[in-house]
Amino acid sequence: MSKLKSWKELPCGAIINDLKAVLENKTGTWRSFRPIWNKEKCINCLTCWIYCPDAAIILVDGKHQGINYDYCKGCGICAEVCPKKVQAITMVKEEK
C-alpha cells in the first residue's frame, strides 16, 4: 500500500494554467434552464455580473450587453439577484 501524501505535498487546486482549454470547453450545453435578459427593463446595477459564477454576463464599457450562452450553465443566480422591482432577467426552460 502506498503512503498517503500530506496536504503540504498536494498540488494547489482550482488553478487554471491553460486558458485556451477553458475557452474551448463550452459548458453552456449543460443547462436545463436559460436566463433571458430584457434590455429595456435592465437598470445596469450589474448585480448579475458580480454574482455570476461562470462570468457569462457580457459587459461592454461597463454596461450589460447580454449573456454568453456558450458558458452559462443556467444556475439562475443572475435572475435571483436581479432586483425584484426590475426583473430584467427571467429563467425559462431550455429548448434543445
PDB file of N, CA and C in Angstrom:
ATOM      1  N   MET A   1       0.845  -1.178   0.000  1.00  0.00           N
ATOM      2  CA  MET A   1       0.000   0.000   0.000  1.00  0.00           C
ATOM      3  C   MET A   1       0.888   1.237   0.000  1.00  0.00           C
ATOM      4  N   SER A   2       0.543   2.230  -0.846  1.00  0.00           N
ATOM      5  CA  SER A   2       1.362   3.444  -0.921  1.00  0.00           C
ATOM      6  C   SER A   2       1.013   4.399   0.220  1.00  0.00           C
ATOM      7  N   LYS A   3       1.989   5.154   0.602  1.00  0.00           N
ATOM      8  CA  LYS A   3       1.809   6.124   1.679  1.00  0.00           C
ATOM      9  C   LYS A   3       1.006   7.318   1.155  1.00  0.00           C
ATOM     10  N   LEU A   4       0.018   7.772   1.927  1.00  0.00           N
ATOM     11  CA  LEU A   4      -0.775   8.941   1.538  1.00  0.00           C
ATOM     12  C   LEU A   4       0.073  10.204   1.660  1.00  0.00           C
ATOM     13  N   LYS A   5      -0.148  11.131   0.764  1.00  0.00           N
ATOM     14  CA  LYS A   5       0.568  12.395   0.796  1.00  0.00           C
ATOM     15  C   LYS A   5      -0.052  13.311   1.851  1.00  0.00           C
ATOM     16  N   SER A   6       0.766  14.134   2.446  1.00  0.00           N
ATOM     17  CA  SER A   6       0.231  15.132   3.370  1.00  0.00           C
ATOM     18  C   SER A   6      -0.343  16.284   2.545  1.00  0.00           C
ATOM     19  N   TRP A   7      -1.105  17.154   3.186  1.00  0.00           N
ATOM     20  CA  TRP A   7      -1.703  18.272   2.463  1.00  0.00           C
ATOM     21  C   TRP A   7      -0.628  19.197   1.888  1.00  0.00           C
ATOM     22  N   LYS A   8       0.535  19.219   2.508  1.00  0.00           N
ATOM     23  CA  LYS A   8       1.618  20.067   2.019  1.00  0.00           C
ATOM     24  C   LYS A   8       2.215  19.551   0.707  1.00  0.00           C
ATOM     25  N   GLU A   9       2.034  18.277   0.423  1.00  0.00           N
ATOM     26  CA  GLU A   9       2.587  17.670  -0.790  1.00  0.00           C
ATOM     27  C   GLU A   9       1.610  17.710  -1.967  1.00  0.00           C
ATOM     28  N   LEU A  10       0.351  18.025  -1.703  1.00  0.00           N
ATOM     29  CA  LEU A  10      -0.662  18.047  -2.756  1.00  0.00           C
ATOM     30  C   LEU A  10      -0.547  19.319  -3.587  1.00  0.00           C
ATOM     31  N   PRO A  11      -0.793  19.222  -4.886  1.00  0.00           N
ATOM     32  CA  PRO A  11      -0.756  20.427  -5.715  1.00  0.00           C
ATOM     33  C   PRO A  11      -1.961  21.317  -5.405  1.00  0.00           C
ATOM     34  N   CYS A  12      -1.807  22.607  -5.621  1.00  0.00           N
ATOM     35  CA  CYS A  12      -2.917  23.533  -5.420  1.00  0.00           C
ATOM     36  C   CYS A  12      -4.026  23.203  -6.404  1.00  0.00           C
ATOM     37  N   GLY A  13      -5.250  23.281  -5.943  1.00  0.00           N
ATOM     38  CA  GLY A  13      -6.393  23.025  -6.801  1.00  0.00           C
ATOM     39  C   GLY A  13      -6.977  24.306  -7.353  1.00  0.00           C
ATOM     40  N   ALA A  14      -7.843  24.180  -8.318  1.00  0.00           N
ATOM     41  CA  ALA A  14      -8.582  25.293  -8.927  1.00  0.00           C
ATOM     42  C   ALA A  14      -7.670  26.337  -9.563  1.00  0.00           C
ATOM     43  N   ILE A  15      -6.505  25.927  -9.997  1.00  0.00           N
ATOM     44  CA  ILE A  15      -5.616  26.824 -10.714  1.00  0.00           C
ATOM     45  C   ILE A  15      -5.672  26.439 -12.184  1.00  0.00           C
ATOM     46  N   ILE A  16      -6.020  27.401 -13.013  1.00  0.00           N
ATOM     47  CA  ILE A  16      -6.162  27.147 -14.435  1.00  0.00           C
ATOM     48  C   ILE A  16      -4.928  27.684 -15.145  1.00  0.00           C
ATOM     49  N   ASN A  17      -4.149  26.787 -15.688  1.00  0.00           N
ATOM     50  CA  ASN A  17      -2.932  27.186 -16.390  1.00  0.00           C
ATOM     51  C   ASN A  17      -3.135  27.301 -17.893  1.00  0.00           C
ATOM     52  N   ASP A  18      -4.117  26.592 -18.425  1.00  0.00           N
ATOM     53  CA  ASP A  18      -4.343  26.568 -19.864  1.00  0.00           C
ATOM     54  C   ASP A  18      -5.644  27.304 -20.190  1.00  0.00           C
ATOM     55  N   LEU A  19      -5.566  28.622 -20.368  1.00  0.00           N
ATOM     56  CA  LEU A  19      -6.765  29.416 -20.621  1.00  0.00           C
ATOM     57  C   LEU A  19      -7.416  29.080 -21.952  1.00  0.00           C
ATOM     58  N   LYS A  20      -6.634  28.636 -22.925  1.00  0.00           N
ATOM     59  CA  LYS A  20      -7.193  28.254 -24.221  1.00  0.00           C
ATOM     60  C   LYS A  20      -8.158  27.072 -24.048  1.00  0.00           C
ATOM     61  N   ALA A  21      -7.791  26.128 -23.201  1.00  0.00           N
ATOM     62  CA  ALA A  21      -8.650  24.966 -22.954  1.00  0.00           C
ATOM     63  C   ALA A  21      -9.966  25.386 -22.312  1.00  0.00           C
ATOM     64  N   VAL A  22      -9.922  26.391 -21.449  1.00  0.00           N
ATOM     65  CA  VAL A  22     -11.141  26.882 -20.808  1.00  0.00           C
ATOM     66  C   VAL A  22     -12.084  27.448 -21.860  1.00  0.00           C
ATOM     67  N   LEU A  23     -11.562  28.232 -22.779  1.00  0.00           N
ATOM     68  CA  LEU A  23     -12.394  28.824 -23.818  1.00  0.00           C
ATOM     69  C   LEU A  23     -12.968  27.773 -24.762  1.00  0.00           C
ATOM     70  N   GLU A  24     -12.240  26.692 -24.967  1.00  0.00           N
ATOM     71  CA  GLU A  24     -12.712  25.627 -25.850  1.00  0.00           C
ATOM     72  C   GLU A  24     -13.772  24.752 -25.195  1.00  0.00           C
ATOM     73  N   ASN A  25     -13.829  24.737 -23.871  1.00  0.00           N
ATOM     74  CA  ASN A  25     -14.790  23.905 -23.138  1.00  0.00           C
ATOM     75  C   ASN A  25     -16.075  24.695 -22.919  1.00  0.00           C
ATOM     76  N   LYS A  26     -16.938  24.681 -23.898  1.00  0.00           N
ATOM     77  CA  LYS A  26     -18.186  25.439 -23.844  1.00  0.00           C
ATOM     78  C   LYS A  26     -19.207  24.684 -22.996  1.00  0.00           C
ATOM     79  N   THR A  27     -19.338  25.124 -21.755  1.00  0.00           N
ATOM     80  CA  THR A  27     -20.141  24.413 -20.758  1.00  0.00           C
ATOM     81  C   THR A  27     -21.625  24.752 -20.808  1.00  0.00           C
ATOM     82  N   GLY A  28     -22.027  25.650 -21.684  1.00  0.00           N
ATOM     83  CA  GLY A  28     -23.423  26.053 -21.765  1.00  0.00           C
ATOM     84  C   GLY A  28     -24.377  24.945 -22.166  1.00  0.00           C
ATOM     85  N   THR A  29     -23.876  23.895 -22.761  1.00  0.00           N
ATOM     86  CA  THR A  29     -24.753  22.793 -23.179  1.00  0.00           C
ATOM     87  C   THR A  29     -25.256  21.986 -21.990  1.00  0.00           C
ATOM     88  N   TRP A  30     -24.735  22.235 -20.801  1.00  0.00           N
ATOM     89  CA  TRP A  30     -25.158  21.507 -19.606  1.00  0.00           C
ATOM     90  C   TRP A  30     -26.493  21.987 -19.066  1.00  0.00           C
ATOM     91  N   ARG A  31     -26.894  23.190 -19.438  1.00  0.00           N
ATOM     92  CA  ARG A  31     -28.026  23.813 -18.743  1.00  0.00           C
ATOM     93  C   ARG A  31     -29.378  23.223 -19.160  1.00  0.00           C
ATOM     94  N   SER A  32     -30.311  23.273 -18.195  1.00  0.00           N
ATOM     95  CA  SER A  32     -31.689  22.878 -18.476  1.00  0.00           C
ATOM     96  C   SER A  32     -32.620  24.090 -18.411  1.00  0.00           C
ATOM     97  N   PHE A  33     -32.128  25.198 -17.832  1.00  0.00           N
ATOM     98  CA  PHE A  33     -32.857  26.464 -17.822  1.00  0.00           C
ATOM     99  C   PHE A  33     -31.944  27.551 -18.370  1.00  0.00           C
ATOM    100  N   ARG A  34     -32.549  28.522 -19.038  1.00  0.00           N
ATOM    101  CA  ARG A  34     -31.794  29.590 -19.704  1.00  0.00           C
ATOM    102  C   ARG A  34     -32.270  30.945 -19.174  1.00  0.00           C
ATOM    103  N   PRO A  35     -31.325  31.824 -18.818  1.00  0.00           N
ATOM    104  CA  PRO A  35     -31.724  33.172 -18.422  1.00  0.00           C
ATOM    105  C   PRO A  35     -32.023  34.023 -19.663  1.00  0.00           C
ATOM    106  N   ILE A  36     -33.088  34.762 -19.595  1.00  0.00           N
ATOM    107  CA  ILE A  36     -33.450  35.688 -20.667  1.00  0.00           C
ATOM    108  C   ILE A  36     -33.318  37.103 -20.114  1.00  0.00           C
ATOM    109  N   TRP A  37     -32.523  37.934 -20.777  1.00  0.00           N
ATOM    110  CA  TRP A  37     -32.265  39.300 -20.336  1.00  0.00           C
ATOM    111  C   TRP A  37     -33.122  40.262 -21.127  1.00  0.00           C
ATOM    112  N   ASN A  38     -33.830  41.139 -20.426  1.00  0.00           N
ATOM    113  CA  ASN A  38     -34.666  42.149 -21.059  1.00  0.00           C
ATOM    114  C   ASN A  38     -33.942  43.493 -20.968  1.00  0.00           C
ATOM    115  N   LYS A  39     -33.377  43.929 -22.076  1.00  0.00           N
ATOM    116  CA  LYS A  39     -32.578  45.156 -22.134  1.00  0.00           C
ATOM    117  C   LYS A  39     -33.378  46.381 -21.692  1.00  0.00           C
ATOM    118  N   GLU A  40     -34.651  46.441 -22.035  1.00  0.00           N
ATOM    119  CA  GLU A  40     -35.474  47.595 -21.700  1.00  0.00           C
ATOM    120  C   GLU A  40     -35.715  47.715 -20.190  1.00  0.00           C
ATOM    121  N   LYS A  41     -35.766  46.612 -19.488  1.00  0.00           N
ATOM    122  CA  LYS A  41     -36.001  46.637 -18.045  1.00  0.00           C
ATOM    123  C   LYS A  41     -34.711  46.826 -17.246  1.00  0.00           C
ATOM    124  N   CYS A  42     -33.583  46.486 -17.824  1.00  0.00           N
ATOM    125  CA  CYS A  42     -32.305  46.479 -17.108  1.00  0.00           C
ATOM    126  C   CYS A  42     -31.895  47.887 -16.671  1.00  0.00           C
ATOM    127  N   ILE A  43     -31.484  48.013 -15.394  1.00  0.00           N
ATOM    128  CA  ILE A  43     -31.035  49.303 -14.864  1.00  0.00           C
ATOM    129  C   ILE A  43     -29.508  49.350 -14.731  1.00  0.00           C
ATOM    130  N   ASN A  44     -28.819  48.343 -15.251  1.00  0.00           N
ATOM    131  CA  ASN A  44     -27.359  48.252 -15.214  1.00  0.00           C
ATOM    132  C   ASN A  44     -26.783  48.346 -13.805  1.00  0.00           C
ATOM    133  N   CYS A  45     -27.430  47.681 -12.853  1.00  0.00           N
ATOM    134  CA  CYS A  45     -26.889  47.640 -11.495  1.00  0.00           C
ATOM    135  C   CYS A  45     -25.692  46.691 -11.423  1.00  0.00           C
ATOM    136  N   LEU A  46     -25.600  45.782 -12.406  1.00  0.00           N
ATOM    137  CA  LEU A  46     -24.511  44.811 -12.561  1.00  0.00           C
ATOM    138  C   LEU A  46     -24.425  43.787 -11.432  1.00  0.00           C
ATOM    139  N   THR A  47     -25.484  43.655 -10.656  1.00  0.00           N
ATOM    140  CA  THR A  47     -25.510  42.646  -9.595  1.00  0.00           C
ATOM    141  C   THR A  47     -25.395  41.255 -10.206  1.00  0.00           C
ATOM    142  N   CYS A  48     -26.029  41.034 -11.331  1.00  0.00           N
ATOM    143  CA  CYS A  48     -25.947  39.733 -12.010  1.00  0.00           C
ATOM    144  C   CYS A  48     -24.502  39.417 -12.389  1.00  0.00           C
ATOM    145  N   TRP A  49     -23.787  40.407 -12.880  1.00  0.00           N
ATOM    146  CA  TRP A  49     -22.386  40.235 -13.278  1.00  0.00           C
ATOM    147  C   TRP A  49     -21.521  39.887 -12.077  1.00  0.00           C
ATOM    148  N   ILE A  50     -21.771  40.539 -10.952  1.00  0.00           N
ATOM    149  CA  ILE A  50     -20.999  40.281  -9.732  1.00  0.00           C
ATOM    150  C   ILE A  50     -21.181  38.838  -9.268  1.00  0.00           C
ATOM    151  N   TYR A  51     -22.411  38.347  -9.297  1.00  0.00           N
ATOM    152  CA  TYR A  51     -22.716  37.032  -8.741  1.00  0.00           C
ATOM    153  C   TYR A  51     -22.592  35.867  -9.714  1.00  0.00           C
ATOM    154  N   CYS A  52     -22.513  36.118 -11.002  1.00  0.00           N
ATOM    155  CA  CYS A  52     -22.454  35.024 -11.984  1.00  0.00           C
ATOM    156  C   CYS A  52     -21.190  34.184 -11.774  1.00  0.00           C
ATOM    157  N   PRO A  53     -21.333  32.902 -11.416  1.00  0.00           N
ATOM    158  CA  PRO A  53     -20.151  32.073 -11.168  1.00  0.00           C
ATOM    159  C   PRO A  53     -19.415  31.663 -12.440  1.00  0.00           C
ATOM    160  N   ASP A  54     -20.023  31.879 -13.590  1.00  0.00           N
ATOM    161  CA  ASP A  54     -19.418  31.458 -14.845  1.00  0.00           C
ATOM    162  C   ASP A  54     -18.913  32.631 -15.682  1.00  0.00           C
ATOM    163  N   ALA A  55     -18.993  33.842 -15.152  1.00  0.00           N
ATOM    164  CA  ALA A  55     -18.596  35.041 -15.885  1.00  0.00           C
ATOM    165  C   ALA A  55     -19.274  35.086 -17.255  1.00  0.00           C
ATOM    166  N   ALA A  56     -20.558  34.759 -17.286  1.00  0.00           N
ATOM    167  CA  ALA A  56     -21.301  34.692 -18.548  1.00  0.00           C
ATOM    168  C   ALA A  56     -22.055  35.975 -18.879  1.00  0.00           C
ATOM    169  N   ILE A  57     -22.025  36.950 -17.984  1.00  0.00           N
ATOM    170  CA  ILE A  57     -22.678  38.227 -18.264  1.00  0.00           C
ATOM    171  C   ILE A  57     -21.711  39.070 -19.103  1.00  0.00           C
ATOM    172  N   ILE A  58     -22.180  39.524 -20.243  1.00  0.00           N
ATOM    173  CA  ILE A  58     -21.335  40.295 -21.161  1.00  0.00           C
ATOM    174  C   ILE A  58     -21.435  41.778 -20.813  1.00  0.00           C
ATOM    175  N   LEU A  59     -20.279  42.381 -20.540  1.00  0.00           N
ATOM    176  CA  LEU A  59     -20.208  43.825 -20.297  1.00  0.00           C
ATOM    177  C   LEU A  59     -19.408  44.482 -21.406  1.00  0.00           C
ATOM    178  N   VAL A  60     -19.886  45.632 -21.864  1.00  0.00           N
ATOM    179  CA  VAL A  60     -19.152  46.458 -22.817  1.00  0.00           C
ATOM    180  C   VAL A  60     -19.196  47.880 -22.275  1.00  0.00           C
ATOM    181  N   ASP A  61     -18.034  48.449 -22.056  1.00  0.00           N
ATOM    182  CA  ASP A  61     -17.929  49.795 -21.482  1.00  0.00           C
ATOM    183  C   ASP A  61     -18.716  49.915 -20.174  1.00  0.00           C
ATOM    184  N   GLY A  62     -18.673  48.864 -19.351  1.00  0.00           N
ATOM    185  CA  GLY A  62     -19.324  48.890 -18.041  1.00  0.00           C
ATOM    186  C   GLY A  62     -20.832  48.757 -18.076  1.00  0.00           C
ATOM    187  N   LYS A  63     -21.389  48.364 -19.209  1.00  0.00           N
ATOM    188  CA  LYS A  63     -22.847  48.200 -19.339  1.00  0.00           C
ATOM    189  C   LYS A  63     -23.169  46.763 -19.753  1.00  0.00           C
ATOM    190  N   HIS A  64     -24.252  46.261 -19.184  1.00  0.00           N
ATOM    191  CA  HIS A  64     -24.732  44.914 -19.507  1.00  0.00           C
ATOM    192  C   HIS A  64     -25.122  44.861 -20.976  1.00  0.00           C
ATOM    193  N   GLN A  65     -24.589  43.889 -21.718  1.00  0.00           N
ATOM    194  CA  GLN A  65     -24.893  43.762 -23.141  1.00  0.00           C
ATOM    195  C   GLN A  65     -25.497  42.413 -23.517  1.00  0.00           C
ATOM    196  N   GLY A  66     -25.651  41.520 -22.545  1.00  0.00           N
ATOM    197  CA  GLY A  66     -26.240  40.229 -22.862  1.00  0.00           C
ATOM    198  C   GLY A  66     -25.632  39.119 -22.029  1.00  0.00           C
ATOM    199  N   ILE A  67     -25.930  37.897 -22.446  1.00  0.00           N
ATOM    200  CA  ILE A  67     -25.472  36.705 -21.732  1.00  0.00           C
ATOM    201  C   ILE A  67     -24.757  35.795 -22.718  1.00  0.00           C
ATOM    202  N   ASN A  68     -23.592  35.333 -22.343  1.00  0.00           N
ATOM    203  CA  ASN A  68     -22.824  34.429 -23.192  1.00  0.00           C
ATOM    204  C   ASN A  68     -23.330  33.003 -22.928  1.00  0.00           C
ATOM    205  N   TYR A  69     -24.184  32.525 -23.802  1.00  0.00           N
ATOM    206  CA  TYR A  69     -24.799  31.211 -23.616  1.00  0.00           C
ATOM    207  C   TYR A  69     -23.825  30.055 -23.863  1.00  0.00           C
ATOM    208  N   ASP A  70     -22.668  30.337 -24.437  1.00  0.00           N
ATOM    209  CA  ASP A  70     -21.668  29.280 -24.594  1.00  0.00           C
ATOM    210  C   ASP A  70     -21.166  28.788 -23.239  1.00  0.00           C
ATOM    211  N   TYR A  71     -21.176  29.676 -22.224  1.00  0.00           N
ATOM    212  CA  TYR A  71     -20.621  29.334 -20.922  1.00  0.00           C
ATOM    213  C   TYR A  71     -21.636  29.364 -19.790  1.00  0.00           C
ATOM    214  N   CYS A  72     -22.806  29.954 -19.992  1.00  0.00           N
ATOM    215  CA  CYS A  72     -23.846  29.998 -18.960  1.00  0.00           C
ATOM    216  C   CYS A  72     -24.381  28.588 -18.719  1.00  0.00           C
ATOM    217  N   LYS A  73     -24.357  28.159 -17.455  1.00  0.00           N
ATOM    218  CA  LYS A  73     -24.848  26.827 -17.102  1.00  0.00           C
ATOM    219  C   LYS A  73     -26.298  26.840 -16.630  1.00  0.00           C
ATOM    220  N   GLY A  74     -26.921  28.016 -16.596  1.00  0.00           N
ATOM    221  CA  GLY A  74     -28.338  28.103 -16.251  1.00  0.00           C
ATOM    222  C   GLY A  74     -28.635  27.937 -14.777  1.00  0.00           C
ATOM    223  N   CYS A  75     -27.719  28.340 -13.918  1.00  0.00           N
ATOM    224  CA  CYS A  75     -27.909  28.171 -12.472  1.00  0.00           C
ATOM    225  C   CYS A  75     -29.020  29.061 -11.931  1.00  0.00           C
ATOM    226  N   GLY A  76     -29.287  30.189 -12.584  1.00  0.00           N
ATOM    227  CA  GLY A  76     -30.362  31.077 -12.167  1.00  0.00           C
ATOM    228  C   GLY A  76     -29.978  32.116 -11.131  1.00  0.00           C
ATOM    229  N   ILE A  77     -28.715  32.154 -10.748  1.00  0.00           N
ATOM    230  CA  ILE A  77     -28.286  33.148  -9.756  1.00  0.00           C
ATOM    231  C   ILE A  77     -28.537  34.555 -10.278  1.00  0.00           C
ATOM    232  N   CYS A  78     -28.274  34.796 -11.548  1.00  0.00           N
ATOM    233  CA  CYS A  78     -28.473  36.130 -12.121  1.00  0.00           C
ATOM    234  C   CYS A  78     -29.923  36.588 -11.979  1.00  0.00           C
ATOM    235  N   ALA A  79     -30.860  35.703 -12.249  1.00  0.00           N
ATOM    236  CA  ALA A  79     -32.277  36.043 -12.132  1.00  0.00           C
ATOM    237  C   ALA A  79     -32.666  36.241 -10.673  1.00  0.00           C
ATOM    238  N   GLU A  80     -32.064  35.465  -9.800  1.00  0.00           N
ATOM    239  CA  GLU A  80     -32.370  35.555  -8.369  1.00  0.00           C
ATOM    240  C   GLU A  80     -31.899  36.881  -7.771  1.00  0.00           C
ATOM    241  N   VAL A  81     -30.727  37.368  -8.189  1.00  0.00           N
ATOM    242  CA  VAL A  81     -30.189  38.600  -7.609  1.00  0.00           C
ATOM    243  C   VAL A  81     -30.649  39.861  -8.330  1.00  0.00           C
ATOM    244  N   CYS A  82     -31.250  39.715  -9.498  1.00  0.00           N
ATOM    245  CA  CYS A  82     -31.787  40.873 -10.214  1.00  0.00           C
ATOM    246  C   CYS A  82     -32.880  41.491  -9.328  1.00  0.00           C
ATOM    247  N   PRO A  83     -32.848  42.812  -9.118  1.00  0.00           N
ATOM    248  CA  PRO A  83     -33.848  43.439  -8.252  1.00  0.00           C
ATOM    249  C   PRO A  83     -35.272  43.053  -8.639  1.00  0.00           C
ATOM    250  N   LYS A  84     -36.054  42.661  -7.644  1.00  0.00           N
ATOM    251  CA  LYS A  84     -37.420  42.175  -7.897  1.00  0.00           C
ATOM    252  C   LYS A  84     -38.302  43.221  -8.571  1.00  0.00           C
ATOM    253  N   LYS A  85     -38.081  44.491  -8.276  1.00  0.00           N
ATOM    254  CA  LYS A  85     -38.871  45.551  -8.923  1.00  0.00           C
ATOM    255  C   LYS A  85     -38.533  45.667 -10.404  1.00  0.00           C
ATOM    256  N   VAL A  86     -37.347  45.177 -10.776  1.00  0.00           N
ATOM    257  CA  VAL A  86     -36.875  45.295 -12.153  1.00  0.00           C
ATOM    258  C   VAL A  86     -37.176  44.026 -12.946  1.00  0.00           C
ATOM    259  N   GLN A  87     -36.770  42.898 -12.427  1.00  0.00           N
ATOM    260  CA  GLN A  87     -36.906  41.586 -13.085  1.00  0.00           C
ATOM    261  C   GLN A  87     -36.464  41.618 -14.541  1.00  0.00           C
ATOM    262  N   ALA A  88     -35.244  42.108 -14.763  1.00  0.00           N
ATOM    263  CA  ALA A  88     -34.715  42.170 -16.122  1.00  0.00           C
ATOM    264  C   ALA A  88     -34.212  40.814 -16.603  1.00  0.00           C
ATOM    265  N   ILE A  89     -34.040  39.858 -15.688  1.00  0.00           N
ATOM    266  CA  ILE A  89     -33.606  38.513 -16.071  1.00  0.00           C
ATOM    267  C   ILE A  89     -34.608  37.510 -15.530  1.00  0.00           C
ATOM    268  N   THR A  90     -35.116  36.683 -16.424  1.00  0.00           N
ATOM    269  CA  THR A  90     -36.038  35.611 -16.034  1.00  0.00           C
ATOM    270  C   THR A  90     -35.501  34.290 -16.574  1.00  0.00           C
ATOM    271  N   MET A  91     -35.870  33.219 -15.923  1.00  0.00           N
ATOM    272  CA  MET A  91     -35.424  31.896 -16.338  1.00  0.00           C
ATOM    273  C   MET A  91     -36.537  31.178 -17.096  1.00  0.00           C
ATOM    274  N   VAL A  92     -36.164  30.531 -18.197  1.00  0.00           N
ATOM    275  CA  VAL A  92     -37.111  29.732 -18.974  1.00  0.00           C
ATOM    276  C   VAL A  92     -36.492  28.358 -19.200  1.00  0.00           C
ATOM    277  N   LYS A  93     -37.340  27.385 -19.413  1.00  0.00           N
ATOM    278  CA  LYS A  93     -36.849  26.035 -19.686  1.00  0.00           C
ATOM    279  C   LYS A  93     -36.092  26.034 -21.014  1.00  0.00           C
ATOM    280  N   GLU A  94     -34.942  25.395 -21.018  1.00  0.00           N
ATOM    281  CA  GLU A  94     -34.111  25.325 -22.211  1.00  0.00           C
ATOM    282  C   GLU A  94     -34.779  24.444 -23.258  1.00  0.00           C
ATOM    283  N   GLU A  95     -34.836  24.937 -24.474  1.00  0.00           N
ATOM    284  CA  GLU A  95     -35.375  24.166 -25.591  1.00  0.00           C
ATOM    285  C   GLU A  95     -34.195  23.646 -26.411  1.00  0.00           C
ATOM    286  N   LYS A  96     -34.078  22.345 -26.545  1.00  0.00           N
ATOM    287  CA  LYS A  96     -32.944  21.777 -27.284  1.00  0.00           C
ATOM    288  C   LYS A  96     -33.392  21.198 -28.588  1.00  0.00           C
TER     289      LYS A  96
END
